């Protein structure tokens, strides 16, 4: 394993944690804008419909995946600029 890959690991983990927080915040804002309650439904919430539960889950997954991909790509690009190599 290259030194740049080793150096990227802890940075990548930290960026992953930050991206989770950012994605959660983005999802909450989007969910509110769509006119739903403050909190997204849990799958076991008896008062919520199947449609609402599944819509929330799909939307949340898409937002998390998009934010994670953007943060990972940005981190890899920054690593290449700093070290000259793309992290593995």
N, C-alpha and C. Protein backbone atom coordinates (compact mmCIF):
# COMPACT_ATOMS: atom_id res chain seq x y z
N UNK A 1 0.85 -1.18 0.00
CA UNK A 1 0.00 0.00 0.00
C UNK A 1 0.89 1.24 0.00
N UNK A 2 0.55 2.19 -0.84
CA UNK A 2 1.33 3.41 -0.96
C UNK A 2 1.10 4.32 0.24
N UNK A 3 2.07 5.18 0.48
CA UNK A 3 1.96 6.12 1.60
C UNK A 3 0.77 7.06 1.43
N UNK A 4 0.51 7.47 0.18
CA UNK A 4 -0.62 8.38 -0.06
C UNK A 4 -1.95 7.69 0.25
N UNK A 5 -2.03 6.38 -0.02
CA UNK A 5 -3.25 5.63 0.30
C UNK A 5 -3.44 5.51 1.80
N UNK A 6 -2.33 5.28 2.51
CA UNK A 6 -2.41 5.20 3.96
C UNK A 6 -2.81 6.54 4.57
N UNK A 7 -2.28 7.60 4.02
CA UNK A 7 -2.60 8.93 4.53
C UNK A 7 -4.05 9.30 4.23
N UNK A 8 -4.59 8.78 3.13
CA UNK A 8 -5.96 9.11 2.74
C UNK A 8 -7.00 8.40 3.60
N UNK A 9 -6.67 7.22 4.13
CA UNK A 9 -7.65 6.43 4.88
C UNK A 9 -8.31 7.21 6.02
N UNK A 10 -7.55 7.78 6.96
CA UNK A 10 -8.22 8.50 8.05
C UNK A 10 -8.96 9.75 7.57
N UNK A 11 -8.43 10.40 6.56
CA UNK A 11 -9.10 11.57 6.00
C UNK A 11 -10.42 11.14 5.36
N UNK A 12 -10.38 10.04 4.63
CA UNK A 12 -11.58 9.53 3.99
C UNK A 12 -12.65 9.13 5.01
N UNK A 13 -12.22 8.54 6.12
CA UNK A 13 -13.16 8.17 7.16
C UNK A 13 -13.80 9.41 7.80
N UNK A 14 -13.00 10.42 8.05
CA UNK A 14 -13.53 11.66 8.63
C UNK A 14 -14.50 12.33 7.67
N UNK A 15 -14.14 12.35 6.39
CA UNK A 15 -15.03 12.95 5.39
C UNK A 15 -16.33 12.16 5.28
N UNK A 16 -16.25 10.85 5.46
CA UNK A 16 -17.46 10.03 5.43
C UNK A 16 -18.40 10.38 6.56
N UNK A 17 -17.84 10.60 7.74
CA UNK A 17 -18.67 10.98 8.89
C UNK A 17 -19.32 12.34 8.66
N UNK A 18 -18.55 13.28 8.15
CA UNK A 18 -19.09 14.61 7.87
C UNK A 18 -20.17 14.53 6.79
N UNK A 19 -19.94 13.72 5.78
CA UNK A 19 -20.93 13.61 4.71
C UNK A 19 -22.23 13.01 5.23
N UNK A 20 -22.17 12.12 6.20
CA UNK A 20 -23.38 11.57 6.80
C UNK A 20 -24.19 12.64 7.51
N UNK A 21 -23.51 13.51 8.22
CA UNK A 21 -24.19 14.61 8.93
C UNK A 21 -24.81 15.57 7.92
N UNK A 22 -24.05 15.91 6.89
CA UNK A 22 -24.55 16.83 5.86
C UNK A 22 -25.76 16.21 5.14
N UNK A 23 -25.65 14.95 4.78
CA UNK A 23 -26.74 14.28 4.08
C UNK A 23 -28.01 14.23 4.95
N UNK A 24 -27.83 13.97 6.23
CA UNK A 24 -28.98 13.95 7.14
C UNK A 24 -29.67 15.30 7.20
N UNK A 25 -28.88 16.34 7.24
CA UNK A 25 -29.43 17.70 7.27
C UNK A 25 -30.15 18.04 5.97
N UNK A 26 -29.54 17.69 4.85
CA UNK A 26 -30.16 17.94 3.54
C UNK A 26 -31.48 17.18 3.45
N UNK A 27 -31.48 15.93 3.87
CA UNK A 27 -32.72 15.13 3.81
C UNK A 27 -33.83 15.76 4.65
N UNK A 28 -33.50 16.20 5.85
CA UNK A 28 -34.52 16.82 6.70
C UNK A 28 -35.14 18.05 6.02
N UNK A 29 -34.29 18.87 5.40
CA UNK A 29 -34.78 20.06 4.72
C UNK A 29 -35.66 19.70 3.53
N UNK A 30 -35.23 18.72 2.75
CA UNK A 30 -36.01 18.29 1.58
C UNK A 30 -37.34 17.71 2.04
N UNK A 31 -37.32 16.90 3.09
CA UNK A 31 -38.55 16.28 3.60
C UNK A 31 -39.54 17.35 4.04
N UNK A 32 -39.03 18.39 4.71
CA UNK A 32 -39.91 19.49 5.14
C UNK A 32 -40.47 20.25 3.94
N UNK A 33 -39.64 20.48 2.94
CA UNK A 33 -40.07 21.23 1.74
C UNK A 33 -41.16 20.48 0.98
N UNK A 34 -41.12 19.16 1.06
CA UNK A 34 -42.14 18.36 0.38
C UNK A 34 -43.47 18.39 1.12
N UNK A 35 -43.50 19.11 2.25
CA UNK A 35 -44.75 19.28 2.97
C UNK A 35 -45.06 18.20 3.98
N UNK A 36 -44.06 17.45 4.35
CA UNK A 36 -44.27 16.39 5.32
C UNK A 36 -43.93 16.88 6.73
N UNK A 37 -44.09 15.99 7.68
CA UNK A 37 -43.78 16.32 9.07
C UNK A 37 -42.30 16.66 9.23
N UNK A 38 -41.99 17.15 10.41
CA UNK A 38 -40.61 17.48 10.75
C UNK A 38 -39.69 16.27 10.60
N UNK A 39 -40.15 15.13 11.07
CA UNK A 39 -39.34 13.91 11.04
C UNK A 39 -39.87 12.93 10.00
N UNK A 40 -38.95 12.24 9.36
CA UNK A 40 -39.35 11.21 8.41
C UNK A 40 -39.90 10.01 9.18
N UNK A 41 -40.78 9.25 8.56
CA UNK A 41 -41.37 8.12 9.26
C UNK A 41 -40.40 6.96 9.42
N UNK A 42 -40.55 6.26 10.53
CA UNK A 42 -39.84 5.00 10.71
C UNK A 42 -40.65 3.91 10.00
N UNK A 43 -39.98 2.87 9.61
CA UNK A 43 -40.66 1.78 8.91
C UNK A 43 -41.73 1.12 9.79
N UNK A 44 -41.58 1.19 11.09
CA UNK A 44 -42.53 0.55 11.99
C UNK A 44 -43.58 1.51 12.54
N UNK A 45 -43.63 2.73 12.00
CA UNK A 45 -44.61 3.71 12.46
C UNK A 45 -45.99 3.33 11.90
N UNK A 46 -46.85 2.87 12.77
CA UNK A 46 -48.16 2.36 12.36
C UNK A 46 -49.05 3.45 11.77
N UNK A 47 -48.82 4.68 12.13
CA UNK A 47 -49.66 5.79 11.67
C UNK A 47 -49.33 6.26 10.26
N UNK A 48 -48.21 5.82 9.73
CA UNK A 48 -47.77 6.26 8.40
C UNK A 48 -48.14 5.22 7.35
N UNK A 49 -48.36 5.69 6.13
CA UNK A 49 -48.72 4.79 5.03
C UNK A 49 -47.47 4.14 4.44
N UNK A 50 -47.70 3.06 3.70
CA UNK A 50 -46.60 2.40 3.00
C UNK A 50 -45.94 3.39 2.04
N UNK A 51 -46.75 4.14 1.34
CA UNK A 51 -46.21 5.09 0.36
C UNK A 51 -45.28 6.10 1.02
N UNK A 52 -45.71 6.64 2.15
CA UNK A 52 -44.90 7.65 2.84
C UNK A 52 -43.60 7.05 3.37
N UNK A 53 -43.68 5.87 3.96
CA UNK A 53 -42.48 5.21 4.50
C UNK A 53 -41.49 4.89 3.38
N UNK A 54 -41.98 4.33 2.29
CA UNK A 54 -41.08 3.96 1.19
C UNK A 54 -40.53 5.18 0.46
N UNK A 55 -41.35 6.20 0.30
CA UNK A 55 -40.87 7.43 -0.33
C UNK A 55 -39.74 8.05 0.50
N UNK A 56 -39.92 8.10 1.80
CA UNK A 56 -38.89 8.66 2.67
C UNK A 56 -37.61 7.85 2.58
N UNK A 57 -37.74 6.53 2.57
CA UNK A 57 -36.55 5.67 2.53
C UNK A 57 -35.78 5.83 1.22
N UNK A 58 -36.50 5.86 0.12
CA UNK A 58 -35.86 6.01 -1.20
C UNK A 58 -35.19 7.38 -1.32
N UNK A 59 -35.90 8.41 -0.90
CA UNK A 59 -35.35 9.77 -0.96
C UNK A 59 -34.11 9.90 -0.08
N UNK A 60 -34.19 9.36 1.12
CA UNK A 60 -33.05 9.42 2.04
C UNK A 60 -31.86 8.68 1.47
N UNK A 61 -32.09 7.50 0.90
CA UNK A 61 -31.00 6.73 0.31
C UNK A 61 -30.35 7.46 -0.86
N UNK A 62 -31.16 8.07 -1.70
CA UNK A 62 -30.62 8.80 -2.85
C UNK A 62 -29.79 9.99 -2.40
N UNK A 63 -30.27 10.71 -1.40
CA UNK A 63 -29.53 11.88 -0.92
C UNK A 63 -28.22 11.44 -0.28
N UNK A 64 -28.26 10.41 0.55
CA UNK A 64 -27.04 9.93 1.19
C UNK A 64 -26.02 9.46 0.15
N UNK A 65 -26.49 8.71 -0.84
CA UNK A 65 -25.57 8.22 -1.88
C UNK A 65 -24.97 9.37 -2.69
N UNK A 66 -25.79 10.34 -3.02
CA UNK A 66 -25.29 11.48 -3.79
C UNK A 66 -24.27 12.31 -3.03
N UNK A 67 -24.57 12.59 -1.76
CA UNK A 67 -23.63 13.37 -0.95
C UNK A 67 -22.33 12.59 -0.74
N UNK A 68 -22.45 11.30 -0.47
CA UNK A 68 -21.25 10.48 -0.25
C UNK A 68 -20.38 10.45 -1.51
N UNK A 69 -21.01 10.26 -2.66
CA UNK A 69 -20.25 10.23 -3.92
C UNK A 69 -19.55 11.57 -4.17
N UNK A 70 -20.24 12.67 -3.91
CA UNK A 70 -19.63 13.99 -4.11
C UNK A 70 -18.46 14.21 -3.17
N UNK A 71 -18.62 13.84 -1.91
CA UNK A 71 -17.54 14.02 -0.94
C UNK A 71 -16.36 13.09 -1.25
N UNK A 72 -16.63 11.84 -1.58
CA UNK A 72 -15.55 10.90 -1.93
C UNK A 72 -14.78 11.35 -3.16
N UNK A 73 -15.52 11.80 -4.16
CA UNK A 73 -14.88 12.26 -5.40
C UNK A 73 -14.04 13.50 -5.14
N UNK A 74 -14.60 14.43 -4.36
CA UNK A 74 -13.85 15.64 -4.02
C UNK A 74 -12.58 15.33 -3.24
N UNK A 75 -12.69 14.39 -2.30
CA UNK A 75 -11.52 13.99 -1.52
C UNK A 75 -10.45 13.33 -2.37
N UNK A 76 -10.87 12.48 -3.29
CA UNK A 76 -9.92 11.81 -4.17
C UNK A 76 -9.24 12.82 -5.10
N UNK A 77 -10.02 13.76 -5.60
CA UNK A 77 -9.45 14.80 -6.47
C UNK A 77 -8.45 15.66 -5.71
N UNK A 78 -8.80 16.04 -4.49
CA UNK A 78 -7.88 16.84 -3.67
C UNK A 78 -6.61 16.06 -3.35
N UNK A 79 -6.75 14.78 -3.09
CA UNK A 79 -5.58 13.94 -2.80
C UNK A 79 -4.65 13.88 -4.01
N UNK A 80 -5.23 13.74 -5.20
CA UNK A 80 -4.39 13.70 -6.40
C UNK A 80 -3.66 15.02 -6.61
N UNK A 81 -4.35 16.13 -6.33
CA UNK A 81 -3.71 17.43 -6.47
C UNK A 81 -2.54 17.60 -5.49
N UNK A 82 -2.74 17.08 -4.27
CA UNK A 82 -1.70 17.23 -3.25
C UNK A 82 -0.54 16.26 -3.40
N UNK A 83 -0.87 15.01 -3.80
CA UNK A 83 0.17 13.98 -3.81
C UNK A 83 0.57 13.53 -5.21
N UNK A 84 -0.27 13.83 -6.20
CA UNK A 84 0.02 13.39 -7.56
C UNK A 84 -0.48 12.00 -7.87
N UNK A 85 -1.08 11.33 -6.88
CA UNK A 85 -1.61 9.99 -7.12
C UNK A 85 -3.08 9.93 -6.69
N UNK A 86 -3.81 9.09 -7.40
CA UNK A 86 -5.22 8.88 -7.08
C UNK A 86 -5.31 7.83 -5.98
N UNK A 87 -6.07 8.10 -4.92
CA UNK A 87 -6.17 7.11 -3.84
C UNK A 87 -6.87 5.84 -4.32
N UNK A 88 -6.39 4.70 -3.84
CA UNK A 88 -6.86 3.40 -4.28
C UNK A 88 -8.16 3.05 -3.78
